[in-house]
Amino acid sequence: MIKAYFAGICEPNCDGGKMGYGYTIYHHEAKIREFAHLYKRRDIIASNHISDYCGVYAAMHWLILHGFNSEEVYIFGHAKLPIFQLQALWSVNAGKYSFIAIQTRALLFDFPNIKFELIPKSQNMEAVNLAESVL
């Protein structure tokens, strides 16, 4: 079983802001990957929604590249928008985040058994701290 935790951050939460994300991945309770990234470009669209989606996209992409996508996968995050949209509980509307949301939803086809779960931020601090560490 795979457990992945993601988080994103944007400061300030507007176009031209700095965005960072982080994720951790566990395989049978052993950490196999942790990663954080900072977008330094000031000319990109920036928001907390986009940074959250970048985190979940990057984690899912890594799982596909390393062949873990065929296992039972659980993705955890404290951001409602990507969790609810990836569960198909909410639709993807025309917002700044829609381009990355659509790209992330396309990755779902590569996962035969994936589940998303909304958790409190207090249970997601490892990923939050990674995201914050790059700003």
C-alpha atoms as a PDB file:
ATOM      1  CA  MET A   1       0.000   0.000   0.000  1.00  0.00           C
ATOM      2  CA  ILE A   2       1.121   3.517  -0.868  1.00  0.00           C
ATOM      3  CA  LYS A   3       0.309   6.599   1.211  1.00  0.00           C
ATOM      4  CA  ALA A   4       1.142  10.011  -0.237  1.00  0.00           C
ATOM      5  CA  TYR A   5       0.720  13.357   1.528  1.00  0.00           C
ATOM      6  CA  PHE A   6       0.837  16.689  -0.315  1.00  0.00           C
ATOM      7  CA  ALA A   7       0.648  20.399   0.452  1.00  0.00           C
ATOM      8  CA  GLY A   8       1.116  23.662  -1.410  1.00  0.00           C
ATOM      9  CA  ILE A   9       1.732  27.254  -0.405  1.00  0.00           C
ATOM     10  CA  CYS A  10       1.696  30.593  -2.185  1.00  0.00           C
ATOM     11  CA  GLU A  11       2.885  33.945  -0.830  1.00  0.00           C
ATOM     12  CA  PRO A  12       1.385  36.333  -1.581  1.00  0.00           C
ATOM     13  CA  ASN A  13      -1.669  34.514  -2.896  1.00  0.00           C
ATOM     14  CA  CYS A  14      -1.799  36.353  -6.210  1.00  0.00           C
ATOM     15  CA  ASP A  15      -0.292  36.427  -9.690  1.00  0.00           C
ATOM     16  CA  GLY A  16       3.449  36.779  -9.434  1.00  0.00           C
ATOM     17  CA  GLY A  17       3.587  35.239  -5.963  1.00  0.00           C
ATOM     18  CA  LYS A  18       6.064  32.561  -4.961  1.00  0.00           C
ATOM     19  CA  MET A  19       4.658  29.036  -4.973  1.00  0.00           C
ATOM     20  CA  GLY A  20       6.026  25.987  -3.281  1.00  0.00           C
ATOM     21  CA  TYR A  21       4.793  22.470  -2.757  1.00  0.00           C
ATOM     22  CA  GLY A  22       5.898  19.384  -0.933  1.00  0.00           C
ATOM     23  CA  TYR A  23       4.972  15.748  -0.749  1.00  0.00           C
ATOM     24  CA  THR A  24       5.969  12.595   1.082  1.00  0.00           C
ATOM     25  CA  ILE A  25       5.354   9.039  -0.052  1.00  0.00           C
ATOM     26  CA  TYR A  26       5.264   5.931   2.110  1.00  0.00           C
ATOM     27  CA  HIS A  27       5.337   2.327   0.923  1.00  0.00           C
ATOM     28  CA  HIS A  28       4.178  -0.105   3.611  1.00  0.00           C
ATOM     29  CA  GLU A  29       4.824   2.587   6.274  1.00  0.00           C
ATOM     30  CA  ALA A  30       8.441   3.205   5.146  1.00  0.00           C
ATOM     31  CA  LYS A  31       9.171   6.625   3.654  1.00  0.00           C
ATOM     32  CA  ILE A  32      10.417   6.202   0.104  1.00  0.00           C
ATOM     33  CA  ARG A  33      10.284   9.788  -1.133  1.00  0.00           C
ATOM     34  CA  GLU A  34      10.046  13.339   0.076  1.00  0.00           C
ATOM     35  CA  PHE A  35      10.271  16.300  -2.205  1.00  0.00           C
ATOM     36  CA  ALA A  36       9.770  20.066  -2.177  1.00  0.00           C
ATOM     37  CA  HIS A  37       9.921  22.557  -5.006  1.00  0.00           C
ATOM     38  CA  LEU A  38       9.815  26.340  -5.364  1.00  0.00           C
ATOM     39  CA  TYR A  39       8.538  28.160  -8.422  1.00  0.00           C
ATOM     40  CA  LYS A  40      10.731  31.255  -8.646  1.00  0.00           C
ATOM     41  CA  ARG A  41       9.295  32.779 -11.809  1.00  0.00           C
ATOM     42  CA  ARG A  42       7.274  35.914 -11.183  1.00  0.00           C
ATOM     43  CA  ASP A  43       5.410  35.796 -14.502  1.00  0.00           C
ATOM     44  CA  ILE A  44       3.342  32.679 -13.738  1.00  0.00           C
ATOM     45  CA  ILE A  45      -0.148  32.558 -12.362  1.00  0.00           C
ATOM     46  CA  ALA A  46       0.112  31.816  -8.666  1.00  0.00           C
ATOM     47  CA  SER A  47      -2.423  30.722  -6.068  1.00  0.00           C
ATOM     48  CA  ASN A  48      -2.799  28.321  -3.173  1.00  0.00           C
ATOM     49  CA  HIS A  49      -5.068  26.138  -5.324  1.00  0.00           C
ATOM     50  CA  ILE A  50      -2.430  25.881  -8.041  1.00  0.00           C
ATOM     51  CA  SER A  51       0.340  25.094  -5.557  1.00  0.00           C
ATOM     52  CA  ASP A  52      -1.812  22.379  -3.906  1.00  0.00           C
ATOM     53  CA  TYR A  53      -2.529  20.844  -7.294  1.00  0.00           C
ATOM     54  CA  CYS A  54       1.175  20.983  -8.194  1.00  0.00           C
ATOM     55  CA  GLY A  55       1.897  18.964  -5.056  1.00  0.00           C
ATOM     56  CA  VAL A  56      -0.621  16.222  -5.763  1.00  0.00           C
ATOM     57  CA  TYR A  57       0.293  16.161  -9.470  1.00  0.00           C
ATOM     58  CA  ALA A  58       4.001  15.785  -8.695  1.00  0.00           C
ATOM     59  CA  ALA A  59       3.372  12.971  -6.212  1.00  0.00           C
ATOM     60  CA  MET A  60       1.124  11.085  -8.642  1.00  0.00           C
ATOM     61  CA  HIS A  61       3.560  11.608 -11.513  1.00  0.00           C
ATOM     62  CA  TRP A  62       6.440  10.235  -9.412  1.00  0.00           C
ATOM     63  CA  LEU A  63       4.365   7.175  -8.501  1.00  0.00           C
ATOM     64  CA  ILE A  64       3.672   6.506 -12.185  1.00  0.00           C
ATOM     65  CA  LEU A  65       7.329   6.966 -13.191  1.00  0.00           C
ATOM     66  CA  HIS A  66       8.466   4.510 -10.514  1.00  0.00           C
ATOM     67  CA  GLY A  67       5.784   1.883 -11.107  1.00  0.00           C
ATOM     68  CA  PHE A  68       3.875   2.309  -7.858  1.00  0.00           C
ATOM     69  CA  ASN A  69       0.620   3.330  -9.577  1.00  0.00           C
ATOM     70  CA  SER A  70      -0.557  -0.280  -9.885  1.00  0.00           C
ATOM     71  CA  GLU A  71      -0.641  -0.655  -6.101  1.00  0.00           C
ATOM     72  CA  GLU A  72      -3.385   0.463  -3.737  1.00  0.00           C
ATOM     73  CA  VAL A  73      -2.740   4.212  -3.427  1.00  0.00           C
ATOM     74  CA  TYR A  74      -4.080   6.646  -0.837  1.00  0.00           C
ATOM     75  CA  ILE A  75      -3.522  10.377  -1.333  1.00  0.00           C
ATOM     76  CA  PHE A  76      -3.960  12.623   1.700  1.00  0.00           C
ATOM     77  CA  GLY A  77      -4.176  16.405   1.827  1.00  0.00           C
ATOM     78  CA  HIS A  78      -5.810  19.190   3.815  1.00  0.00           C
ATOM     79  CA  ALA A  79      -6.868  21.218   0.743  1.00  0.00           C
ATOM     80  CA  LYS A  80     -10.542  20.647  -0.048  1.00  0.00           C
ATOM     81  CA  LEU A  81     -10.473  21.746  -3.695  1.00  0.00           C
ATOM     82  CA  PRO A  82      -8.102  19.121  -5.145  1.00  0.00           C
ATOM     83  CA  ILE A  83      -9.307  16.344  -2.844  1.00  0.00           C
ATOM     84  CA  PHE A  84     -12.996  16.897  -3.641  1.00  0.00           C
ATOM     85  CA  GLN A  85     -12.388  17.473  -7.354  1.00  0.00           C
ATOM     86  CA  LEU A  86     -10.216  14.380  -7.717  1.00  0.00           C
ATOM     87  CA  GLN A  87     -12.947  12.382  -5.982  1.00  0.00           C
ATOM     88  CA  ALA A  88     -15.390  13.831  -8.543  1.00  0.00           C
ATOM     89  CA  LEU A  89     -17.447  15.386  -5.721  1.00  0.00           C
ATOM     90  CA  TRP A  90     -16.846  18.883  -7.107  1.00  0.00           C
ATOM     91  CA  SER A  91     -16.506  19.891 -10.755  1.00  0.00           C
ATOM     92  CA  VAL A  92     -13.514  21.710 -12.210  1.00  0.00           C
ATOM     93  CA  ASN A  93     -14.635  25.200 -13.172  1.00  0.00           C
ATOM     94  CA  ALA A  94     -12.893  27.852 -15.224  1.00  0.00           C
ATOM     95  CA  GLY A  95     -10.452  29.193 -12.682  1.00  0.00           C
ATOM     96  CA  LYS A  96      -6.743  29.935 -12.606  1.00  0.00           C
ATOM     97  CA  TYR A  97      -6.157  26.419 -11.322  1.00  0.00           C
ATOM     98  CA  SER A  98      -8.150  24.614 -14.058  1.00  0.00           C
ATOM     99  CA  PHE A  99      -5.136  23.851 -16.289  1.00  0.00           C
ATOM    100  CA  ILE A 100      -3.328  21.894 -13.566  1.00  0.00           C
ATOM    101  CA  ALA A 101      -6.568  20.334 -12.314  1.00  0.00           C
ATOM    102  CA  ILE A 102      -7.260  18.894 -15.771  1.00  0.00           C
ATOM    103  CA  GLN A 103      -3.681  17.608 -16.077  1.00  0.00           C
ATOM    104  CA  THR A 104      -3.915  15.978 -12.662  1.00  0.00           C
ATOM    105  CA  ARG A 105      -7.285  14.374 -13.411  1.00  0.00           C
ATOM    106  CA  ALA A 106      -5.775  12.867 -16.563  1.00  0.00           C
ATOM    107  CA  LEU A 107      -3.278  10.983 -14.378  1.00  0.00           C
ATOM    108  CA  LEU A 108      -6.168   9.143 -12.709  1.00  0.00           C
ATOM    109  CA  PHE A 109      -6.398   6.832 -15.728  1.00  0.00           C
ATOM    110  CA  ASP A 110      -3.002   5.387 -14.767  1.00  0.00           C
ATOM    111  CA  PHE A 111      -4.199   4.364 -11.284  1.00  0.00           C
ATOM    112  CA  PRO A 112      -6.506   1.340 -11.056  1.00  0.00           C
ATOM    113  CA  ASN A 113      -6.943   1.714  -7.278  1.00  0.00           C
ATOM    114  CA  ILE A 114      -6.548   5.254  -5.929  1.00  0.00           C
ATOM    115  CA  LYS A 115      -8.398   7.013  -3.133  1.00  0.00           C
ATOM    116  CA  PHE A 116      -8.254  10.585  -1.876  1.00  0.00           C
ATOM    117  CA  GLU A 117      -8.850  11.644   1.690  1.00  0.00           C
ATOM    118  CA  LEU A 118      -9.224  15.066   3.264  1.00  0.00           C
ATOM    119  CA  ILE A 119      -7.304  15.252   6.537  1.00  0.00           C
ATOM    120  CA  PRO A 120      -6.777  18.038   9.077  1.00  0.00           C
ATOM    121  CA  LYS A 121      -3.737  20.228   8.504  1.00  0.00           C
ATOM    122  CA  SER A 122      -2.348  18.999  11.820  1.00  0.00           C
ATOM    123  CA  GLN A 123      -2.069  15.496  10.308  1.00  0.00           C
ATOM    124  CA  ASN A 124      -0.350  16.831   7.191  1.00  0.00           C
ATOM    125  CA  MET A 125       2.466  18.826   8.771  1.00  0.00           C
ATOM    126  CA  GLU A 126       5.279  16.870   7.144  1.00  0.00           C
ATOM    127  CA  ALA A 127       4.126  17.925   3.676  1.00  0.00           C
ATOM    128  CA  VAL A 128       3.232  21.437   4.892  1.00  0.00           C
ATOM    129  CA  ASN A 129       6.695  21.894   6.384  1.00  0.00           C
ATOM    130  CA  LEU A 130       8.291  20.737   3.132  1.00  0.00           C
ATOM    131  CA  ALA A 131       6.216  23.233   1.134  1.00  0.00           C
ATOM    132  CA  GLU A 132       7.025  26.050   3.541  1.00  0.00           C
ATOM    133  CA  SER A 133      10.737  25.186   3.594  1.00  0.00           C
ATOM    134  CA  VAL A 134      11.262  26.313   0.004  1.00  0.00           C
ATOM    135  CA  LEU A 135       9.717  29.799   0.329  1.00  0.00           C
END
